[in-house]
Amino acid sequence: MEFPAVAVACNQSYLDEVNGYGQLRYARSSCPFDVYSTLAQITRDLDADHLQVAPLGTKPQALGAFLFALRREDIAEIVYDHPIRRANRTEGIGTTHLYNVSDFVDAW
């Protein structure tokens, strides 16, 4: 629940630099297609010709970011870091989500 606030706080200097606070958008954490749709809407709203996407959220959100970057390779750039894993992270298997990515890609 607190991840959006942590993500904003950890990226405060960049958001200050680009005056990005008013441009924050949110997408569901378990739906890559919602992320894709959100990024497409941002592209339209900003009439963007270059978009840097940092997949900082969940694995489904990262999938959506990469699907968008593959579809819009003319303007999208993936930016990522190499985080240091924290101690006491969860282990094992949690909720499993199944996505029909092939049908989504075929619809392009």
N, C-alpha and C. Protein backbone atom coordinates (compact mmCIF):
# COMPACT_ATOMS: atom_id res chain seq x y z
N MET A 1 0.81 -1.20 0.00
CA MET A 1 0.00 0.00 0.00
C MET A 1 0.86 1.26 0.00
N GLU A 2 1.99 1.24 0.68
CA GLU A 2 2.77 2.46 0.78
C GLU A 2 3.76 2.63 -0.37
N PHE A 3 3.83 1.67 -1.31
CA PHE A 3 4.83 1.75 -2.37
C PHE A 3 4.76 3.04 -3.18
N PRO A 4 3.57 3.52 -3.60
CA PRO A 4 3.56 4.77 -4.36
C PRO A 4 4.22 5.93 -3.61
N ALA A 5 3.98 6.04 -2.32
CA ALA A 5 4.59 7.12 -1.54
C ALA A 5 6.10 6.93 -1.44
N VAL A 6 6.54 5.70 -1.26
CA VAL A 6 7.97 5.42 -1.18
C VAL A 6 8.63 5.71 -2.53
N ALA A 7 8.00 5.31 -3.62
CA ALA A 7 8.56 5.56 -4.95
C ALA A 7 8.70 7.06 -5.21
N VAL A 8 7.70 7.83 -4.82
CA VAL A 8 7.77 9.28 -5.00
C VAL A 8 8.88 9.85 -4.13
N ALA A 9 8.94 9.44 -2.88
CA ALA A 9 9.97 9.96 -1.97
C ALA A 9 11.38 9.63 -2.45
N CYS A 10 11.57 8.43 -2.96
CA CYS A 10 12.90 8.01 -3.41
C CYS A 10 13.31 8.70 -4.71
N ASN A 11 12.34 9.23 -5.43
CA ASN A 11 12.64 9.90 -6.69
C ASN A 11 12.37 11.39 -6.61
N GLN A 12 12.39 11.93 -5.40
CA GLN A 12 12.03 13.32 -5.17
C GLN A 12 12.93 14.28 -5.95
N SER A 13 14.22 14.06 -5.96
CA SER A 13 15.11 15.00 -6.64
C SER A 13 14.83 15.04 -8.15
N TYR A 14 14.56 13.87 -8.74
CA TYR A 14 14.24 13.86 -10.17
C TYR A 14 12.89 14.53 -10.43
N LEU A 15 11.90 14.23 -9.60
CA LEU A 15 10.59 14.86 -9.78
C LEU A 15 10.68 16.37 -9.61
N ASP A 16 11.52 16.84 -8.69
CA ASP A 16 11.75 18.27 -8.53
C ASP A 16 12.38 18.86 -9.80
N GLU A 17 13.38 18.15 -10.32
CA GLU A 17 14.12 18.61 -11.49
C GLU A 17 13.22 18.79 -12.71
N VAL A 18 12.29 17.85 -12.90
CA VAL A 18 11.43 17.90 -14.10
C VAL A 18 10.05 18.45 -13.80
N ASN A 19 9.84 18.94 -12.57
CA ASN A 19 8.54 19.45 -12.16
C ASN A 19 7.45 18.42 -12.46
N GLY A 20 7.68 17.18 -12.00
CA GLY A 20 6.83 16.07 -12.37
C GLY A 20 5.71 15.70 -11.42
N TYR A 21 5.57 16.39 -10.31
CA TYR A 21 4.56 15.99 -9.33
C TYR A 21 3.15 16.05 -9.89
N GLY A 22 2.86 17.02 -10.71
CA GLY A 22 1.52 17.15 -11.27
C GLY A 22 1.23 16.17 -12.38
N GLN A 23 2.24 15.42 -12.78
CA GLN A 23 2.07 14.49 -13.90
C GLN A 23 2.09 13.03 -13.47
N LEU A 24 2.01 12.78 -12.17
CA LEU A 24 2.01 11.40 -11.69
C LEU A 24 0.72 10.71 -12.11
N ARG A 25 0.84 9.47 -12.54
CA ARG A 25 -0.32 8.65 -12.89
C ARG A 25 -0.15 7.31 -12.18
N TYR A 26 -1.25 6.66 -11.93
CA TYR A 26 -1.22 5.38 -11.23
C TYR A 26 -1.88 4.32 -12.10
N ALA A 27 -1.41 3.09 -11.97
CA ALA A 27 -1.98 1.95 -12.66
C ALA A 27 -2.10 0.80 -11.67
N ARG A 28 -3.06 -0.07 -11.91
CA ARG A 28 -3.26 -1.21 -11.00
C ARG A 28 -1.99 -2.06 -10.93
N SER A 29 -1.69 -2.53 -9.75
CA SER A 29 -0.44 -3.26 -9.54
C SER A 29 -0.43 -4.64 -10.16
N SER A 30 -1.60 -5.22 -10.41
CA SER A 30 -1.65 -6.60 -10.90
C SER A 30 -2.03 -6.69 -12.38
N CYS A 31 -2.05 -5.56 -13.10
CA CYS A 31 -2.53 -5.60 -14.48
C CYS A 31 -1.55 -4.92 -15.44
N PRO A 32 -0.82 -5.71 -16.22
CA PRO A 32 0.12 -5.10 -17.17
C PRO A 32 -0.60 -4.27 -18.24
N PHE A 33 -1.83 -4.63 -18.55
CA PHE A 33 -2.56 -3.92 -19.60
C PHE A 33 -3.01 -2.54 -19.13
N ASP A 34 -3.23 -2.39 -17.83
CA ASP A 34 -3.55 -1.08 -17.28
C ASP A 34 -2.33 -0.17 -17.36
N VAL A 35 -1.15 -0.71 -17.10
CA VAL A 35 0.09 0.06 -17.23
C VAL A 35 0.28 0.48 -18.69
N TYR A 36 0.10 -0.45 -19.59
CA TYR A 36 0.23 -0.16 -21.02
C TYR A 36 -0.71 0.99 -21.40
N SER A 37 -1.96 0.87 -20.99
CA SER A 37 -2.97 1.89 -21.30
C SER A 37 -2.60 3.24 -20.69
N THR A 38 -2.11 3.24 -19.46
CA THR A 38 -1.71 4.47 -18.79
C THR A 38 -0.55 5.14 -19.53
N LEU A 39 0.44 4.35 -19.93
CA LEU A 39 1.57 4.91 -20.68
C LEU A 39 1.13 5.45 -22.04
N ALA A 40 0.21 4.75 -22.69
CA ALA A 40 -0.31 5.23 -23.97
C ALA A 40 -1.05 6.56 -23.78
N GLN A 41 -1.82 6.67 -22.68
CA GLN A 41 -2.54 7.91 -22.40
C GLN A 41 -1.57 9.05 -22.10
N ILE A 42 -0.52 8.77 -21.36
CA ILE A 42 0.49 9.79 -21.08
C ILE A 42 1.11 10.28 -22.38
N THR A 43 1.42 9.36 -23.27
CA THR A 43 2.01 9.71 -24.56
C THR A 43 1.08 10.64 -25.34
N ARG A 44 -0.22 10.33 -25.34
CA ARG A 44 -1.19 11.18 -26.04
C ARG A 44 -1.33 12.54 -25.35
N ASP A 45 -1.46 12.53 -24.02
CA ASP A 45 -1.67 13.77 -23.28
C ASP A 45 -0.50 14.75 -23.44
N LEU A 46 0.70 14.22 -23.46
CA LEU A 46 1.89 15.06 -23.54
C LEU A 46 2.37 15.26 -24.97
N ASP A 47 1.72 14.59 -25.91
CA ASP A 47 2.17 14.60 -27.32
C ASP A 47 3.67 14.29 -27.35
N ALA A 48 4.03 13.24 -26.61
CA ALA A 48 5.44 12.91 -26.38
C ALA A 48 6.09 12.30 -27.60
N ASP A 49 7.32 12.73 -27.86
CA ASP A 49 8.12 12.09 -28.90
C ASP A 49 9.27 11.29 -28.30
N HIS A 50 9.39 11.34 -26.98
CA HIS A 50 10.37 10.52 -26.26
C HIS A 50 9.86 10.32 -24.84
N LEU A 51 9.87 9.07 -24.41
CA LEU A 51 9.35 8.75 -23.08
C LEU A 51 10.32 7.79 -22.41
N GLN A 52 10.80 8.16 -21.22
CA GLN A 52 11.64 7.27 -20.42
C GLN A 52 10.75 6.58 -19.40
N VAL A 53 10.77 5.26 -19.40
CA VAL A 53 9.91 4.47 -18.52
C VAL A 53 10.81 3.69 -17.56
N ALA A 54 10.57 3.88 -16.28
CA ALA A 54 11.32 3.15 -15.25
C ALA A 54 10.36 2.19 -14.56
N PRO A 55 10.46 0.90 -14.86
CA PRO A 55 9.53 -0.08 -14.25
C PRO A 55 9.90 -0.37 -12.80
N LEU A 56 9.43 0.49 -11.90
CA LEU A 56 9.77 0.38 -10.48
C LEU A 56 8.77 -0.41 -9.66
N GLY A 57 7.64 -0.74 -10.22
CA GLY A 57 6.56 -1.36 -9.46
C GLY A 57 6.63 -2.86 -9.42
N THR A 58 5.48 -3.47 -9.52
CA THR A 58 5.35 -4.92 -9.45
C THR A 58 5.80 -5.57 -10.75
N LYS A 59 5.91 -6.88 -10.74
CA LYS A 59 6.27 -7.60 -11.96
C LYS A 59 5.22 -7.42 -13.06
N PRO A 60 3.92 -7.47 -12.74
CA PRO A 60 2.93 -7.19 -13.79
C PRO A 60 3.08 -5.77 -14.36
N GLN A 61 3.41 -4.80 -13.51
CA GLN A 61 3.61 -3.44 -14.01
C GLN A 61 4.84 -3.38 -14.91
N ALA A 62 5.89 -4.08 -14.56
CA ALA A 62 7.08 -4.12 -15.41
C ALA A 62 6.75 -4.76 -16.75
N LEU A 63 5.96 -5.81 -16.74
CA LEU A 63 5.54 -6.45 -17.99
C LEU A 63 4.80 -5.44 -18.87
N GLY A 64 3.90 -4.67 -18.29
CA GLY A 64 3.17 -3.66 -19.05
C GLY A 64 4.10 -2.60 -19.62
N ALA A 65 5.10 -2.19 -18.83
CA ALA A 65 6.07 -1.19 -19.30
C ALA A 65 6.87 -1.73 -20.48
N PHE A 66 7.29 -2.99 -20.39
CA PHE A 66 8.06 -3.57 -21.49
C PHE A 66 7.21 -3.81 -22.73
N LEU A 67 5.94 -4.19 -22.54
CA LEU A 67 5.04 -4.32 -23.69
C LEU A 67 4.89 -2.98 -24.40
N PHE A 68 4.73 -1.92 -23.61
CA PHE A 68 4.61 -0.59 -24.20
C PHE A 68 5.89 -0.22 -24.95
N ALA A 69 7.04 -0.46 -24.33
CA ALA A 69 8.32 -0.11 -24.97
C ALA A 69 8.53 -0.92 -26.25
N LEU A 70 8.10 -2.17 -26.27
CA LEU A 70 8.22 -2.96 -27.49
C LEU A 70 7.31 -2.43 -28.59
N ARG A 71 6.11 -2.03 -28.20
CA ARG A 71 5.14 -1.53 -29.17
C ARG A 71 5.52 -0.14 -29.67
N ARG A 72 6.06 0.68 -28.80
CA ARG A 72 6.39 2.06 -29.15
C ARG A 72 7.90 2.29 -29.07
N GLU A 73 8.66 1.38 -29.67
CA GLU A 73 10.12 1.50 -29.62
C GLU A 73 10.62 2.77 -30.28
N ASP A 74 9.77 3.43 -31.07
CA ASP A 74 10.16 4.67 -31.71
C ASP A 74 10.28 5.82 -30.71
N ILE A 75 9.57 5.74 -29.57
CA ILE A 75 9.63 6.83 -28.59
C ILE A 75 9.97 6.37 -27.18
N ALA A 76 9.81 5.10 -26.88
CA ALA A 76 9.94 4.63 -25.50
C ALA A 76 11.34 4.09 -25.21
N GLU A 77 11.82 4.43 -24.04
CA GLU A 77 13.12 3.97 -23.56
C GLU A 77 12.93 3.44 -22.15
N ILE A 78 13.40 2.23 -21.90
CA ILE A 78 13.33 1.65 -20.56
C ILE A 78 14.57 2.07 -19.79
N VAL A 79 14.37 2.59 -18.58
CA VAL A 79 15.45 2.98 -17.70
C VAL A 79 15.30 2.14 -16.44
N TYR A 80 16.34 1.45 -16.05
CA TYR A 80 16.25 0.61 -14.86
C TYR A 80 17.54 0.65 -14.08
N ASP A 81 17.43 0.29 -12.83
CA ASP A 81 18.62 0.24 -11.99
C ASP A 81 18.85 -1.21 -11.56
N HIS A 82 19.84 -1.38 -10.75
CA HIS A 82 20.16 -2.71 -10.22
C HIS A 82 20.05 -2.62 -8.70
N PRO A 83 18.84 -2.80 -8.19
CA PRO A 83 18.65 -2.63 -6.74
C PRO A 83 19.34 -3.72 -5.93
N ILE A 84 19.67 -3.36 -4.73
CA ILE A 84 20.23 -4.32 -3.78
C ILE A 84 19.06 -4.93 -3.02
N ARG A 85 18.96 -6.23 -3.05
CA ARG A 85 17.84 -6.91 -2.38
C ARG A 85 17.96 -6.72 -0.87
N ARG A 86 16.85 -6.38 -0.29
CA ARG A 86 16.81 -6.20 1.16
C ARG A 86 16.65 -7.53 1.87
N ALA A 87 17.11 -7.57 3.10
CA ALA A 87 16.90 -8.76 3.93
C ALA A 87 15.42 -8.87 4.27
N ASN A 88 14.99 -10.05 4.60
CA ASN A 88 13.61 -10.31 5.02
C ASN A 88 12.57 -10.09 3.93
N ARG A 89 12.97 -10.24 2.67
CA ARG A 89 11.99 -10.15 1.59
C ARG A 89 11.16 -11.43 1.58
N THR A 90 10.03 -11.36 0.95
CA THR A 90 9.18 -12.54 0.89
C THR A 90 9.83 -13.62 0.05
N GLU A 91 9.48 -14.85 0.34
CA GLU A 91 9.99 -15.99 -0.41
C GLU A 91 8.83 -16.89 -0.76
N GLY A 92 9.07 -17.75 -1.72
CA GLY A 92 8.04 -18.72 -2.07
C GLY A 92 7.11 -18.20 -3.14
N ILE A 93 5.96 -18.81 -3.21
CA ILE A 93 4.99 -18.50 -4.24
C ILE A 93 3.82 -17.76 -3.63
N GLY A 94 3.46 -16.68 -4.23
CA GLY A 94 2.30 -15.90 -3.80
C GLY A 94 1.19 -16.08 -4.81
N THR A 95 0.42 -15.04 -5.00
CA THR A 95 -0.67 -15.06 -5.96
C THR A 95 -0.10 -15.22 -7.37
N THR A 96 -0.71 -16.06 -8.16
CA THR A 96 -0.30 -16.26 -9.54
C THR A 96 -1.31 -15.60 -10.45
N HIS A 97 -0.81 -14.81 -11.39
CA HIS A 97 -1.66 -14.15 -12.37
C HIS A 97 -1.34 -14.74 -13.75
N LEU A 98 -2.36 -15.01 -14.52
CA LEU A 98 -2.18 -15.48 -15.89
C LEU A 98 -2.68 -14.41 -16.84
N TYR A 99 -1.86 -14.07 -17.83
CA TYR A 99 -2.21 -13.03 -18.79
C TYR A 99 -2.10 -13.62 -20.20
N ASN A 100 -3.03 -13.26 -21.04
CA ASN A 100 -2.99 -13.69 -22.43
C ASN A 100 -2.28 -12.61 -23.24
N VAL A 101 -0.97 -12.59 -23.11
CA VAL A 101 -0.16 -11.56 -23.76
C VAL A 101 -0.17 -11.76 -25.27
N SER A 102 -0.21 -13.00 -25.73
CA SER A 102 -0.20 -13.25 -27.18
C SER A 102 -1.37 -12.58 -27.87
N ASP A 103 -2.56 -12.71 -27.32
CA ASP A 103 -3.73 -12.06 -27.92
C ASP A 103 -3.59 -10.54 -27.89
N PHE A 104 -3.03 -10.03 -26.82
CA PHE A 104 -2.82 -8.59 -26.70
C PHE A 104 -1.85 -8.10 -27.78
N VAL A 105 -0.74 -8.81 -27.93
CA VAL A 105 0.26 -8.44 -28.94
C VAL A 105 -0.31 -8.62 -30.35
N ASP A 106 -1.04 -9.69 -30.57
CA ASP A 106 -1.63 -9.93 -31.90
C ASP A 106 -2.61 -8.83 -32.30
N ALA A 107 -3.21 -8.15 -31.33
CA ALA A 107 -4.16 -7.08 -31.62
C ALA A 107 -3.48 -5.81 -32.10
N TRP A 108 -2.14 -5.72 -31.98
CA TRP A 108 -1.43 -4.53 -32.46
C TRP A 108 -1.63 -4.44 -33.93
